Full PDB file with SEQRES, HELIX, SHEET, SSBOND, CRYST1, ORIGX, SCALE, CONECT and MASTER records, all heavy atoms in Angstrom:
SEQRES   1 A   32  SER THR LYS ASP ILE GLU SER PHE GLY ALA GLN GLY ILE          
SEQRES   2 A   32  THR VAL HIS PRO ARG PRO ASP GLU ARG HIS ILE ARG TYR          
SEQRES   3 A   32  GLN ASP ALA ARG ASP LEU                                      
HELIX    1 AA1 THR A    2  SER A    7  1                                   6    
HELIX    2 AA2 TYR A   26  ASP A   31  1                                   6    
CRYST1    1.000    1.000    1.000  90.00  90.00  90.00 P 1           1          
ORIGX1      1.000000  0.000000  0.000000        0.00000                         
ORIGX2      0.000000  1.000000  0.000000        0.00000                         
ORIGX3      0.000000  0.000000  1.000000        0.00000                         
SCALE1      1.000000  0.000000  0.000000        0.00000                         
SCALE2      0.000000  1.000000  0.000000        0.00000                         
SCALE3      0.000000  0.000000  1.000000        0.00000                         
ATOM      1  N   SER A   1       6.791  -2.052  -5.925  1.00  0.00           N  
ATOM      2  CA  SER A   1       7.423  -2.010  -4.602  1.00  0.00           C  
ATOM      3  C   SER A   1       6.781  -3.019  -3.657  1.00  0.00           C  
ATOM      4  O   SER A   1       7.478  -3.698  -2.891  1.00  0.00           O  
ATOM      5  CB  SER A   1       7.308  -0.607  -4.007  1.00  0.00           C  
ATOM      6  OG  SER A   1       7.980   0.345  -4.806  1.00  0.00           O  
ATOM      7  N   THR A   2       5.473  -3.129  -3.714  1.00  0.00           N  
ATOM      8  CA  THR A   2       4.764  -4.085  -2.867  1.00  0.00           C  
ATOM      9  C   THR A   2       5.180  -5.516  -3.193  1.00  0.00           C  
ATOM     10  O   THR A   2       5.438  -6.327  -2.293  1.00  0.00           O  
ATOM     11  CB  THR A   2       3.247  -3.910  -3.037  1.00  0.00           C  
ATOM     12  OG1 THR A   2       2.867  -2.638  -2.502  1.00  0.00           O  
ATOM     13  CG2 THR A   2       2.476  -5.005  -2.319  1.00  0.00           C  
ATOM     14  N   LYS A   3       5.241  -5.822  -4.470  1.00  0.00           N  
ATOM     15  CA  LYS A   3       5.679  -7.165  -4.865  1.00  0.00           C  
ATOM     16  C   LYS A   3       7.089  -7.449  -4.364  1.00  0.00           C  
ATOM     17  O   LYS A   3       7.381  -8.556  -3.876  1.00  0.00           O  
ATOM     18  CB  LYS A   3       5.622  -7.302  -6.385  1.00  0.00           C  
ATOM     19  CG  LYS A   3       4.213  -7.311  -6.964  1.00  0.00           C  
ATOM     20  CD  LYS A   3       4.268  -7.401  -8.492  1.00  0.00           C  
ATOM     21  CE  LYS A   3       2.872  -7.429  -9.098  1.00  0.00           C  
ATOM     22  NZ  LYS A   3       2.922  -7.484 -10.593  1.00  0.00           N  
ATOM     23  N   ASP A   4       7.964  -6.454  -4.453  1.00  0.00           N  
ATOM     24  CA  ASP A   4       9.337  -6.624  -3.984  1.00  0.00           C  
ATOM     25  C   ASP A   4       9.371  -6.836  -2.471  1.00  0.00           C  
ATOM     26  O   ASP A   4      10.064  -7.738  -1.972  1.00  0.00           O  
ATOM     27  CB  ASP A   4      10.190  -5.415  -4.355  1.00  0.00           C  
ATOM     28  CG  ASP A   4      10.523  -5.345  -5.839  1.00  0.00           C  
ATOM     29  OD1 ASP A   4      10.443  -6.383  -6.517  1.00  0.00           O  
ATOM     30  OD2 ASP A   4      10.845  -4.235  -6.311  1.00  0.00           O  
ATOM     31  N   ILE A   5       8.656  -6.002  -1.735  1.00  0.00           N  
ATOM     32  CA  ILE A   5       8.650  -6.091  -0.272  1.00  0.00           C  
ATOM     33  C   ILE A   5       8.179  -7.471   0.174  1.00  0.00           C  
ATOM     34  O   ILE A   5       8.756  -8.081   1.086  1.00  0.00           O  
ATOM     35  CB  ILE A   5       7.778  -4.974   0.328  1.00  0.00           C  
ATOM     36  CG1 ILE A   5       8.479  -3.616   0.151  1.00  0.00           C  
ATOM     37  CG2 ILE A   5       7.481  -5.236   1.802  1.00  0.00           C  
ATOM     38  CD1 ILE A   5       7.584  -2.431   0.415  1.00  0.00           C  
ATOM     39  N   GLU A   6       7.151  -7.988  -0.469  1.00  0.00           N  
ATOM     40  CA  GLU A   6       6.675  -9.326  -0.128  1.00  0.00           C  
ATOM     41  C   GLU A   6       7.721 -10.385  -0.487  1.00  0.00           C  
ATOM     42  O   GLU A   6       7.940 -11.339   0.263  1.00  0.00           O  
ATOM     43  CB  GLU A   6       5.359  -9.615  -0.840  1.00  0.00           C  
ATOM     44  CG  GLU A   6       4.185  -8.827  -0.277  1.00  0.00           C  
ATOM     45  CD  GLU A   6       2.862  -9.232  -0.896  1.00  0.00           C  
ATOM     46  OE1 GLU A   6       2.820  -9.424  -2.137  1.00  0.00           O  
ATOM     47  OE2 GLU A   6       1.873  -9.360  -0.152  1.00  0.00           O  
ATOM     48  N   SER A   7       8.369 -10.209  -1.626  1.00  0.00           N  
ATOM     49  CA  SER A   7       9.385 -11.186  -2.036  1.00  0.00           C  
ATOM     50  C   SER A   7      10.586 -11.168  -1.101  1.00  0.00           C  
ATOM     51  O   SER A   7      11.292 -12.169  -0.960  1.00  0.00           O  
ATOM     52  CB  SER A   7       9.839 -10.921  -3.476  1.00  0.00           C  
ATOM     53  OG  SER A   7      10.687  -9.783  -3.561  1.00  0.00           O  
ATOM     54  N   PHE A   8      10.824 -10.041  -0.429  1.00  0.00           N  
ATOM     55  CA  PHE A   8      11.919  -9.935   0.530  1.00  0.00           C  
ATOM     56  C   PHE A   8      11.579 -10.620   1.858  1.00  0.00           C  
ATOM     57  O   PHE A   8      12.452 -10.757   2.713  1.00  0.00           O  
ATOM     58  CB  PHE A   8      12.275  -8.478   0.796  1.00  0.00           C  
ATOM     59  CG  PHE A   8      12.742  -7.712  -0.413  1.00  0.00           C  
ATOM     60  CD1 PHE A   8      12.560  -6.334  -0.490  1.00  0.00           C  
ATOM     61  CD2 PHE A   8      13.357  -8.368  -1.483  1.00  0.00           C  
ATOM     62  CE1 PHE A   8      12.994  -5.621  -1.607  1.00  0.00           C  
ATOM     63  CE2 PHE A   8      13.784  -7.655  -2.597  1.00  0.00           C  
ATOM     64  CZ  PHE A   8      13.602  -6.281  -2.665  1.00  0.00           C  
ATOM     65  N   GLY A   9      10.316 -10.994   2.046  1.00  0.00           N  
ATOM     66  CA  GLY A   9       9.943 -11.743   3.236  1.00  0.00           C  
ATOM     67  C   GLY A   9       8.898 -11.114   4.130  1.00  0.00           C  
ATOM     68  O   GLY A   9       8.461 -11.749   5.105  1.00  0.00           O  
ATOM     69  N   ALA A  10       8.471  -9.875   3.863  1.00  0.00           N  
ATOM     70  CA  ALA A  10       7.442  -9.247   4.689  1.00  0.00           C  
ATOM     71  C   ALA A  10       6.164 -10.071   4.651  1.00  0.00           C  
ATOM     72  O   ALA A  10       5.780 -10.601   3.608  1.00  0.00           O  
ATOM     73  CB  ALA A  10       7.164  -7.825   4.221  1.00  0.00           C  
ATOM     74  N   GLN A  11       5.499 -10.170   5.788  1.00  0.00           N  
ATOM     75  CA  GLN A  11       4.293 -10.997   5.881  1.00  0.00           C  
ATOM     76  C   GLN A  11       3.003 -10.196   5.759  1.00  0.00           C  
ATOM     77  O   GLN A  11       1.912 -10.727   5.921  1.00  0.00           O  
ATOM     78  CB  GLN A  11       4.296 -11.766   7.199  1.00  0.00           C  
ATOM     79  CG  GLN A  11       5.453 -12.746   7.321  1.00  0.00           C  
ATOM     80  CD  GLN A  11       6.457 -12.340   8.389  1.00  0.00           C  
ATOM     81  OE1 GLN A  11       6.589 -11.170   8.733  1.00  0.00           O  
ATOM     82  NE2 GLN A  11       7.177 -13.314   8.919  1.00  0.00           N  
ATOM     83  N   GLY A  12       3.129  -8.898   5.463  1.00  0.00           N  
ATOM     84  CA  GLY A  12       1.941  -8.085   5.303  1.00  0.00           C  
ATOM     85  C   GLY A  12       2.280  -6.729   4.713  1.00  0.00           C  
ATOM     86  O   GLY A  12       3.424  -6.286   4.744  1.00  0.00           O  
ATOM     87  N   ILE A  13       1.259  -6.091   4.164  1.00  0.00           N  
ATOM     88  CA  ILE A  13       1.357  -4.739   3.620  1.00  0.00           C  
ATOM     89  C   ILE A  13       0.280  -3.894   4.288  1.00  0.00           C  
ATOM     90  O   ILE A  13      -0.893  -4.292   4.352  1.00  0.00           O  
ATOM     91  CB  ILE A  13       1.157  -4.724   2.089  1.00  0.00           C  
ATOM     92  CG1 ILE A  13       2.234  -5.549   1.384  1.00  0.00           C  
ATOM     93  CG2 ILE A  13       1.125  -3.285   1.568  1.00  0.00           C  
ATOM     94  CD1 ILE A  13       3.644  -4.995   1.499  1.00  0.00           C  
ATOM     95  N   THR A  14       0.682  -2.730   4.786  1.00  0.00           N  
ATOM     96  CA  THR A  14      -0.246  -1.801   5.435  1.00  0.00           C  
ATOM     97  C   THR A  14      -0.325  -0.503   4.636  1.00  0.00           C  
ATOM     98  O   THR A  14       0.698   0.004   4.168  1.00  0.00           O  
ATOM     99  CB  THR A  14       0.209  -1.492   6.868  1.00  0.00           C  
ATOM    100  OG1 THR A  14       0.070  -2.666   7.676  1.00  0.00           O  
ATOM    101  CG2 THR A  14      -0.618  -0.373   7.500  1.00  0.00           C  
ATOM    102  N   VAL A  15      -1.541   0.020   4.499  1.00  0.00           N  
ATOM    103  CA  VAL A  15      -1.747   1.350   3.929  1.00  0.00           C  
ATOM    104  C   VAL A  15      -2.676   2.125   4.850  1.00  0.00           C  
ATOM    105  O   VAL A  15      -3.504   1.544   5.539  1.00  0.00           O  
ATOM    106  CB  VAL A  15      -2.331   1.300   2.503  1.00  0.00           C  
ATOM    107  CG1 VAL A  15      -1.359   0.633   1.541  1.00  0.00           C  
ATOM    108  CG2 VAL A  15      -3.688   0.596   2.470  1.00  0.00           C  
ATOM    109  N   HIS A  16      -2.508   3.432   4.852  1.00  0.00           N  
ATOM    110  CA  HIS A  16      -3.327   4.298   5.701  1.00  0.00           C  
ATOM    111  C   HIS A  16      -3.797   5.495   4.873  1.00  0.00           C  
ATOM    112  O   HIS A  16      -3.207   6.566   4.925  1.00  0.00           O  
ATOM    113  CB  HIS A  16      -2.514   4.755   6.910  1.00  0.00           C  
ATOM    114  CG  HIS A  16      -3.322   5.469   7.952  1.00  0.00           C  
ATOM    115  ND1 HIS A  16      -3.005   5.428   9.288  1.00  0.00           N  
ATOM    116  CD2 HIS A  16      -4.427   6.246   7.870  1.00  0.00           C  
ATOM    117  CE1 HIS A  16      -3.871   6.150   9.972  1.00  0.00           C  
ATOM    118  NE2 HIS A  16      -4.737   6.673   9.126  1.00  0.00           N  
ATOM    119  N   PRO A  17      -4.846   5.307   4.073  1.00  0.00           N  
ATOM    120  CA  PRO A  17      -5.359   6.431   3.290  1.00  0.00           C  
ATOM    121  C   PRO A  17      -6.039   7.460   4.182  1.00  0.00           C  
ATOM    122  O   PRO A  17      -6.769   7.104   5.102  1.00  0.00           O  
ATOM    123  CB  PRO A  17      -6.371   5.764   2.349  1.00  0.00           C  
ATOM    124  CG  PRO A  17      -6.815   4.544   3.082  1.00  0.00           C  
ATOM    125  CD  PRO A  17      -5.630   4.075   3.876  1.00  0.00           C  
ATOM    126  N   ARG A  18      -5.762   8.724   3.919  1.00  0.00           N  
ATOM    127  CA  ARG A  18      -6.432   9.793   4.648  1.00  0.00           C  
ATOM    128  C   ARG A  18      -7.362  10.548   3.702  1.00  0.00           C  
ATOM    129  O   ARG A  18      -7.225  10.448   2.481  1.00  0.00           O  
ATOM    130  CB  ARG A  18      -5.383  10.720   5.284  1.00  0.00           C  
ATOM    131  CG  ARG A  18      -4.687  10.051   6.473  1.00  0.00           C  
ATOM    132  CD  ARG A  18      -3.726  10.983   7.174  1.00  0.00           C  
ATOM    133  NE  ARG A  18      -3.314  10.445   8.466  1.00  0.00           N  
ATOM    134  CZ  ARG A  18      -2.321   9.583   8.657  1.00  0.00           C  
ATOM    135  NH1 ARG A  18      -1.624   9.139   7.619  1.00  0.00           N  
ATOM    136  NH2 ARG A  18      -2.012   9.153   9.858  1.00  0.00           N  
ATOM    137  N   PRO A  19      -8.310  11.305   4.261  1.00  0.00           N  
ATOM    138  CA  PRO A  19      -9.311  11.936   3.398  1.00  0.00           C  
ATOM    139  C   PRO A  19      -8.729  12.804   2.289  1.00  0.00           C  
ATOM    140  O   PRO A  19      -9.298  12.875   1.197  1.00  0.00           O  
ATOM    141  CB  PRO A  19     -10.134  12.775   4.389  1.00  0.00           C  
ATOM    142  CG  PRO A  19     -10.031  12.023   5.680  1.00  0.00           C  
ATOM    143  CD  PRO A  19      -8.613  11.497   5.703  1.00  0.00           C  
ATOM    144  N   ASP A  20      -7.581  13.472   2.536  1.00  0.00           N  
ATOM    145  CA  ASP A  20      -6.998  14.322   1.501  1.00  0.00           C  
ATOM    146  C   ASP A  20      -6.106  13.541   0.529  1.00  0.00           C  
ATOM    147  O   ASP A  20      -5.574  14.115  -0.428  1.00  0.00           O  
ATOM    148  CB  ASP A  20      -6.204  15.482   2.118  1.00  0.00           C  
ATOM    149  CG  ASP A  20      -5.039  15.006   2.982  1.00  0.00           C  
ATOM    150  OD1 ASP A  20      -4.769  13.781   3.025  1.00  0.00           O  
ATOM    151  OD2 ASP A  20      -4.403  15.866   3.616  1.00  0.00           O  
ATOM    152  N   GLU A  21      -5.922  12.235   0.778  1.00  0.00           N  
ATOM    153  CA  GLU A  21      -5.149  11.357  -0.098  1.00  0.00           C  
ATOM    154  C   GLU A  21      -3.741  11.906  -0.375  1.00  0.00           C  
ATOM    155  O   GLU A  21      -3.218  11.784  -1.474  1.00  0.00           O  
ATOM    156  CB  GLU A  21      -5.899  11.090  -1.412  1.00  0.00           C  
ATOM    157  CG  GLU A  21      -7.254  10.419  -1.203  1.00  0.00           C  
ATOM    158  CD  GLU A  21      -7.938  10.025  -2.494  1.00  0.00           C  
ATOM    159  OE1 GLU A  21      -8.672  10.867  -3.054  1.00  0.00           O  
ATOM    160  OE2 GLU A  21      -7.743   8.889  -2.932  1.00  0.00           O  
ATOM    161  N   ARG A  22      -3.135  12.486   0.667  1.00  0.00           N  
ATOM    162  CA  ARG A  22      -1.828  13.117   0.464  1.00  0.00           C  
ATOM    163  C   ARG A  22      -0.695  12.106   0.301  1.00  0.00           C  
ATOM    164  O   ARG A  22       0.394  12.482  -0.116  1.00  0.00           O  
ATOM    165  CB  ARG A  22      -1.515  14.075   1.607  1.00  0.00           C  
ATOM    166  CG  ARG A  22      -1.363  13.441   2.978  1.00  0.00           C  
ATOM    167  CD  ARG A  22      -1.086  14.513   4.024  1.00  0.00           C  
ATOM    168  NE  ARG A  22      -0.927  13.984   5.359  1.00  0.00           N  
ATOM    169  CZ  ARG A  22      -1.911  13.809   6.223  1.00  0.00           C  
ATOM    170  NH1 ARG A  22      -3.149  14.105   5.853  1.00  0.00           N  
ATOM    171  NH2 ARG A  22      -1.680  13.334   7.431  1.00  0.00           N  
ATOM    172  N   HIS A  23      -0.933  10.870   0.658  1.00  0.00           N  
ATOM    173  CA  HIS A  23       0.056   9.824   0.358  1.00  0.00           C  
ATOM    174  C   HIS A  23      -0.660   8.657  -0.308  1.00  0.00           C  
ATOM    175  O   HIS A  23      -0.778   8.632  -1.531  1.00  0.00           O  
ATOM    176  CB  HIS A  23       0.869   9.410   1.593  1.00  0.00           C  
ATOM    177  CG  HIS A  23       0.140   9.460   2.894  1.00  0.00           C  
ATOM    178  ND1 HIS A  23      -0.959   8.664   3.168  1.00  0.00           N  
ATOM    179  CD2 HIS A  23       0.361  10.200   4.007  1.00  0.00           C  
ATOM    180  CE1 HIS A  23      -1.371   8.914   4.401  1.00  0.00           C  
ATOM    181  NE2 HIS A  23      -0.599   9.851   4.928  1.00  0.00           N  
ATOM    182  N   ILE A  24      -1.135   7.688   0.430  1.00  0.00           N  
ATOM    183  CA  ILE A  24      -1.912   6.609  -0.182  1.00  0.00           C  
ATOM    184  C   ILE A  24      -3.247   7.151  -0.681  1.00  0.00           C  
ATOM    185  O   ILE A  24      -3.970   7.832   0.051  1.00  0.00           O  
ATOM    186  CB  ILE A  24      -2.145   5.471   0.833  1.00  0.00           C  
ATOM    187  CG1 ILE A  24      -0.840   4.722   1.102  1.00  0.00           C  
ATOM    188  CG2 ILE A  24      -3.212   4.497   0.332  1.00  0.00           C  
ATOM    189  CD1 ILE A  24      -0.323   3.915  -0.075  1.00  0.00           C  
ATOM    190  N   ARG A  25      -3.554   6.870  -1.917  1.00  0.00           N  
ATOM    191  CA  ARG A  25      -4.839   7.254  -2.494  1.00  0.00           C  
ATOM    192  C   ARG A  25      -5.829   6.096  -2.359  1.00  0.00           C  
ATOM    193  O   ARG A  25      -5.431   4.938  -2.276  1.00  0.00           O  
ATOM    194  CB  ARG A  25      -4.662   7.618  -3.971  1.00  0.00           C  
ATOM    195  CG  ARG A  25      -3.698   8.777  -4.190  1.00  0.00           C  
ATOM    196  CD  ARG A  25      -3.319   8.892  -5.644  1.00  0.00           C  
ATOM    197  NE  ARG A  25      -2.333   9.973  -5.844  1.00  0.00           N  
ATOM    198  CZ  ARG A  25      -1.455  10.009  -6.836  1.00  0.00           C  
ATOM    199  NH1 ARG A  25      -1.419   9.012  -7.723  1.00  0.00           N  
ATOM    200  NH2 ARG A  25      -0.602  11.015  -6.946  1.00  0.00           N  
ATOM    201  N   TYR A  26      -7.090   6.428  -2.367  1.00  0.00           N  
ATOM    202  CA  TYR A  26      -8.097   5.371  -2.259  1.00  0.00           C  
ATOM    203  C   TYR A  26      -7.965   4.372  -3.408  1.00  0.00           C  
ATOM    204  O   TYR A  26      -8.128   3.169  -3.219  1.00  0.00           O  
ATOM    205  CB  TYR A  26      -9.497   5.984  -2.214  1.00  0.00           C  
ATOM    206  CG  TYR A  26      -9.897   6.434  -0.820  1.00  0.00           C  
ATOM    207  CD1 TYR A  26      -9.081   7.294  -0.086  1.00  0.00           C  
ATOM    208  CD2 TYR A  26     -11.069   5.991  -0.235  1.00  0.00           C  
ATOM    209  CE1 TYR A  26      -9.428   7.692   1.197  1.00  0.00           C  
ATOM    210  CE2 TYR A  26     -11.435   6.391   1.045  1.00  0.00           C  
ATOM    211  CZ  TYR A  26     -10.613   7.241   1.756  1.00  0.00           C  
ATOM    212  OH  TYR A  26     -10.973   7.619   3.025  1.00  0.00           O  
ATOM    213  N   GLN A  27      -7.609   4.865  -4.589  1.00  0.00           N  
ATOM    214  CA  GLN A  27      -7.437   3.960  -5.720  1.00  0.00           C  
ATOM    215  C   GLN A  27      -6.243   3.037  -5.502  1.00  0.00           C  
ATOM    216  O   GLN A  27      -6.251   1.893  -5.970  1.00  0.00           O  
ATOM    217  CB  GLN A  27      -7.267   4.745  -7.023  1.00  0.00           C  
ATOM    218  CG  GLN A  27      -7.261   3.870  -8.277  1.00  0.00           C  
ATOM    219  CD  GLN A  27      -8.525   3.035  -8.421  1.00  0.00           C  
ATOM    220  OE1 GLN A  27      -9.632   3.529  -8.227  1.00  0.00           O  
ATOM    221  NE2 GLN A  27      -8.368   1.762  -8.755  1.00  0.00           N  
ATOM    222  N   ASP A  28      -5.222   3.506  -4.789  1.00  0.00           N  
ATOM    223  CA  ASP A  28      -4.087   2.640  -4.473  1.00  0.00           C  
ATOM    224  C   ASP A  28      -4.557   1.397  -3.723  1.00  0.00           C  
ATOM    225  O   ASP A  28      -4.095   0.279  -3.995  1.00  0.00           O  
ATOM    226  CB  ASP A  28      -3.057   3.372  -3.605  1.00  0.00           C  
ATOM    227  CG  ASP A  28      -2.310   4.466  -4.351  1.00  0.00           C  
ATOM    228  OD1 ASP A  28      -2.122   4.329  -5.576  1.00  0.00           O  
ATOM    229  OD2 ASP A  28      -1.923   5.452  -3.694  1.00  0.00           O  
ATOM    230  N   ALA A  29      -5.441   1.587  -2.754  1.00  0.00           N  
ATOM    231  CA  ALA A  29      -5.935   0.446  -1.974  1.00  0.00           C  
ATOM    232  C   ALA A  29      -6.642  -0.553  -2.884  1.00  0.00           C  
ATOM    233  O   ALA A  29      -6.480  -1.774  -2.727  1.00  0.00           O  
ATOM    234  CB  ALA A  29      -6.872   0.926  -0.873  1.00  0.00           C  
ATOM    235  N   ARG A  30      -7.399  -0.037  -3.840  1.00  0.00           N  
ATOM    236  CA  ARG A  30      -8.086  -0.933  -4.778  1.00  0.00           C  
ATOM    237  C   ARG A  30      -7.080  -1.682  -5.642  1.00  0.00           C  
ATOM    238  O   ARG A  30      -7.205  -2.891  -5.865  1.00  0.00           O  
ATOM    239  CB  ARG A  30      -9.043  -0.126  -5.651  1.00  0.00           C  
ATOM    240  CG  ARG A  30     -10.141   0.599  -4.885  1.00  0.00           C  
ATOM    241  CD  ARG A  30     -11.091   1.316  -5.839  1.00  0.00           C  
ATOM    242  NE  ARG A  30     -12.127   2.030  -5.101  1.00  0.00           N  
ATOM    243  CZ  ARG A  30     -12.096   3.340  -4.838  1.00  0.00           C  
ATOM    244  NH1 ARG A  30     -11.066   4.084  -5.270  1.00  0.00           N  
ATOM    245  NH2 ARG A  30     -13.075   3.913  -4.170  1.00  0.00           N  
ATOM    246  N   ASP A  31      -6.070  -0.974  -6.126  1.00  0.00           N  
ATOM    247  CA  ASP A  31      -5.077  -1.580  -7.010  1.00  0.00           C  
ATOM    248  C   ASP A  31      -4.217  -2.595  -6.253  1.00  0.00           C  
ATOM    249  O   ASP A  31      -3.877  -3.661  -6.788  1.00  0.00           O  
ATOM    250  CB  ASP A  31      -4.181  -0.504  -7.621  1.00  0.00           C  
ATOM    251  CG  ASP A  31      -4.938   0.429  -8.568  1.00  0.00           C  
ATOM    252  OD1 ASP A  31      -6.030   0.046  -9.050  1.00  0.00           O  
ATOM    253  OD2 ASP A  31      -4.443   1.550  -8.797  1.00  0.00           O  
ATOM    254  N   LEU A  32      -3.860  -2.274  -5.022  1.00  0.00           N  
ATOM    255  CA  LEU A  32      -2.998  -3.164  -4.243  1.00  0.00           C  
ATOM    256  C   LEU A  32      -3.709  -4.459  -3.868  1.00  0.00           C  
ATOM    257  O   LEU A  32      -3.067  -5.514  -3.768  1.00  0.00           O  
ATOM    258  CB  LEU A  32      -2.521  -2.448  -2.982  1.00  0.00           C  
ATOM    259  CG  LEU A  32      -1.480  -1.350  -3.220  1.00  0.00           C  
ATOM    260  CD1 LEU A  32      -1.362  -0.450  -2.001  1.00  0.00           C  
ATOM    261  CD2 LEU A  32      -0.122  -1.965  -3.568  1.00  0.00           C  
TER     262      LEU A  32                                                      
MASTER        0    0    0    2    0    0    0    6  261    1    0    3          
END                                                                             
């Protein structure tokens, strides 16, 4: 999805991991 969003023209990707990792996980930030 990130690769697609960038290919569509977005100039940045934002993530907001929270301590309970209920959406973005800390590992997601590493992978992204």
